[in-house]
Amino acid sequence: MAAISASRRRGVRSRVRDVPGPCAHWNDDDADFIREVLDLVGDKWSVLIIGTLERGATRYSELADAIPGISQRMLTLTLKSLQRNGLVTRTAYAEVPPRVEYALTGLGESLLGSVLALAAWSAEHHTEIRRHQSTFDSADQ
């Protein structure tokens, strides 16, 4: 059974390029990288952190307070991921008590408009989406 599934997946990218659509524009390496980046920036915590950093350098504790529901672990992991990918910088100040600030890089700022637009779209369509979810869930039972 697994062999059948694997054989069906082989050549999927080459078949996609034969069908008009956005995926037809990219080769396999680009498509894989695009999925990787979308996983990073499409994560709910990444979107909220990037949006929060719009106002400039922000301390870790201020980020934690500004993002409802994020755990300390998720904030730390997401900040490290954003840092690794060049979207956020971390600056540690040798003070007592120690102070650490996070800020968007130029690359992160170039993503900010898209992130804020996605957040605005979500807020604008919240009621409509909830209504559709409720209708779907009611019909499903």
Protein backbone atom coordinates (compact mmCIF):
# COMPACT_ATOMS: atom_id res chain seq x y z
CA MET A 1 0.00 0.00 0.00
CA ALA A 2 2.81 2.41 0.90
CA ALA A 3 4.54 1.60 -2.40
CA ILE A 4 1.40 2.55 -4.31
CA SER A 5 1.13 5.89 -2.47
CA ALA A 6 4.81 6.63 -3.05
CA SER A 7 4.51 5.85 -6.77
CA ARG A 8 1.54 8.20 -7.07
CA ARG A 9 3.57 11.01 -5.49
CA ARG A 10 6.51 10.57 -7.85
CA GLY A 11 6.46 13.06 -10.66
CA VAL A 12 3.76 15.18 -9.03
CA ARG A 13 5.79 18.37 -9.53
CA SER A 14 6.31 17.59 -13.22
CA ARG A 15 2.57 17.01 -13.65
CA VAL A 16 1.80 20.26 -11.80
CA ARG A 17 3.91 22.21 -14.28
CA ASP A 18 1.63 20.94 -17.06
CA VAL A 19 -1.45 22.49 -15.39
CA PRO A 20 -1.87 26.26 -15.35
CA GLY A 21 -1.62 27.80 -11.90
CA PRO A 22 0.81 29.39 -9.48
CA CYS A 23 2.72 26.16 -8.75
CA ALA A 24 3.64 25.75 -12.41
CA HIS A 25 6.04 28.71 -12.19
CA TRP A 26 8.56 27.11 -9.83
CA ASN A 27 11.02 24.26 -10.09
CA ASP A 28 11.15 21.56 -7.39
CA ASP A 29 13.83 23.28 -5.28
CA ASP A 30 11.99 26.60 -5.34
CA ALA A 31 8.66 24.94 -4.51
CA ASP A 32 10.21 23.13 -1.53
CA PHE A 33 11.78 26.35 -0.27
CA ILE A 34 8.52 28.27 -0.74
CA ARG A 35 6.70 25.69 1.41
CA GLU A 36 9.44 25.98 4.04
CA VAL A 37 9.14 29.77 4.16
CA LEU A 38 5.33 29.65 4.24
CA ASP A 39 5.52 27.21 7.15
CA LEU A 40 7.72 29.72 8.97
CA VAL A 41 5.84 32.94 8.27
CA GLY A 42 2.40 31.36 8.16
CA ASP A 43 2.70 30.05 11.70
CA LYS A 44 0.29 31.92 13.98
CA TRP A 45 2.98 32.85 16.48
CA SER A 46 5.35 34.15 13.80
CA VAL A 47 2.62 36.34 12.34
CA LEU A 48 1.79 37.77 15.75
CA ILE A 49 5.43 38.34 16.70
CA ILE A 50 6.25 40.05 13.40
CA GLY A 51 3.15 42.23 13.73
CA THR A 52 4.02 43.14 17.31
CA LEU A 53 7.56 44.12 16.32
CA GLU A 54 6.11 46.69 13.91
CA ARG A 55 6.46 49.32 16.62
CA GLY A 56 10.21 48.75 16.92
CA ALA A 57 12.65 47.02 19.26
CA THR A 58 10.73 45.21 21.98
CA ARG A 59 11.81 43.43 25.14
CA TYR A 60 11.07 39.74 25.53
CA SER A 61 8.69 40.35 28.44
CA GLU A 62 6.81 43.01 26.45
CA LEU A 63 6.38 40.55 23.56
CA ALA A 64 5.06 37.92 25.98
CA ASP A 65 2.56 40.43 27.40
CA ALA A 66 1.49 41.68 23.96
CA ILE A 67 0.72 38.23 22.50
CA PRO A 68 -2.16 36.55 24.36
CA GLY A 69 -1.87 32.80 24.77
CA ILE A 70 1.77 32.36 23.76
CA SER A 71 3.80 30.25 26.15
CA GLN A 72 7.33 31.19 27.13
CA ARG A 73 8.60 28.11 25.28
CA MET A 74 6.75 28.97 22.04
CA LEU A 75 7.87 32.59 22.21
CA THR A 76 11.50 31.51 22.63
CA LEU A 77 11.34 28.86 19.87
CA THR A 78 9.58 31.17 17.42
CA LEU A 79 11.98 34.05 18.07
CA LYS A 80 14.94 31.71 17.49
CA SER A 81 13.41 30.51 14.23
CA LEU A 82 12.74 34.06 13.05
CA GLN A 83 16.28 35.00 14.05
CA ARG A 84 17.75 31.99 12.22
CA ASN A 85 15.93 33.00 9.05
CA GLY A 86 17.10 36.61 9.24
CA LEU A 87 13.72 38.19 10.02
CA VAL A 88 14.46 39.26 13.61
CA THR A 89 17.54 40.43 15.49
CA ARG A 90 18.28 39.84 19.15
CA THR A 91 20.30 42.39 21.09
CA ALA A 92 21.47 41.63 24.62
CA TYR A 93 22.55 44.57 26.78
CA ALA A 94 25.12 44.08 29.55
CA GLU A 95 23.05 45.72 32.26
CA VAL A 96 21.75 44.75 35.64
CA PRO A 97 19.16 43.40 35.32
CA PRO A 98 20.00 42.04 31.85
CA ARG A 99 17.93 43.41 29.00
CA VAL A 100 17.24 41.67 25.67
CA GLU A 101 15.40 43.30 22.79
CA TYR A 102 14.10 41.91 19.53
CA ALA A 103 13.58 43.90 16.35
CA LEU A 104 12.71 43.28 12.74
CA THR A 105 15.54 43.20 10.24
CA GLY A 106 15.18 44.78 6.80
CA LEU A 107 14.02 41.39 5.55
CA GLY A 108 11.48 41.17 8.38
CA GLU A 109 10.24 44.67 7.63
CA SER A 110 9.74 43.69 3.98
CA LEU A 111 7.38 40.96 5.20
CA LEU A 112 5.53 43.22 7.64
CA GLY A 113 3.04 44.62 5.11
CA SER A 114 1.91 41.14 4.08
CA VAL A 115 1.63 39.98 7.69
CA LEU A 116 -0.41 43.03 8.71
CA ALA A 117 -2.63 42.64 5.64
CA LEU A 118 -3.29 39.00 6.55
CA ALA A 119 -4.09 39.95 10.15
CA ALA A 120 -6.41 42.75 8.96
CA TRP A 121 -8.15 40.39 6.54
CA SER A 122 -8.64 37.89 9.39
CA ALA A 123 -10.16 40.52 11.65
CA GLU A 124 -12.35 41.89 8.87
CA HIS A 125 -13.79 38.48 8.00
CA HIS A 126 -13.88 36.98 11.49
CA THR A 127 -17.69 37.03 11.82
CA GLU A 128 -18.27 35.64 8.34
CA ILE A 129 -15.76 32.82 8.83
CA ARG A 130 -17.25 31.89 12.23
CA ARG A 131 -20.71 31.81 10.63
CA HIS A 132 -19.48 29.45 7.90
CA GLN A 133 -17.78 27.23 10.47
CA SER A 134 -20.94 27.05 12.55
CA THR A 135 -23.08 26.24 9.50
CA PHE A 136 -20.68 23.55 8.36
CA ASP A 137 -20.39 22.00 11.82
CA SER A 138 -24.18 21.95 12.24
CA ALA A 139 -24.72 20.28 8.87
CA ASP A 140 -21.99 17.73 9.54
CA GLN A 141 -23.80 16.19 12.50
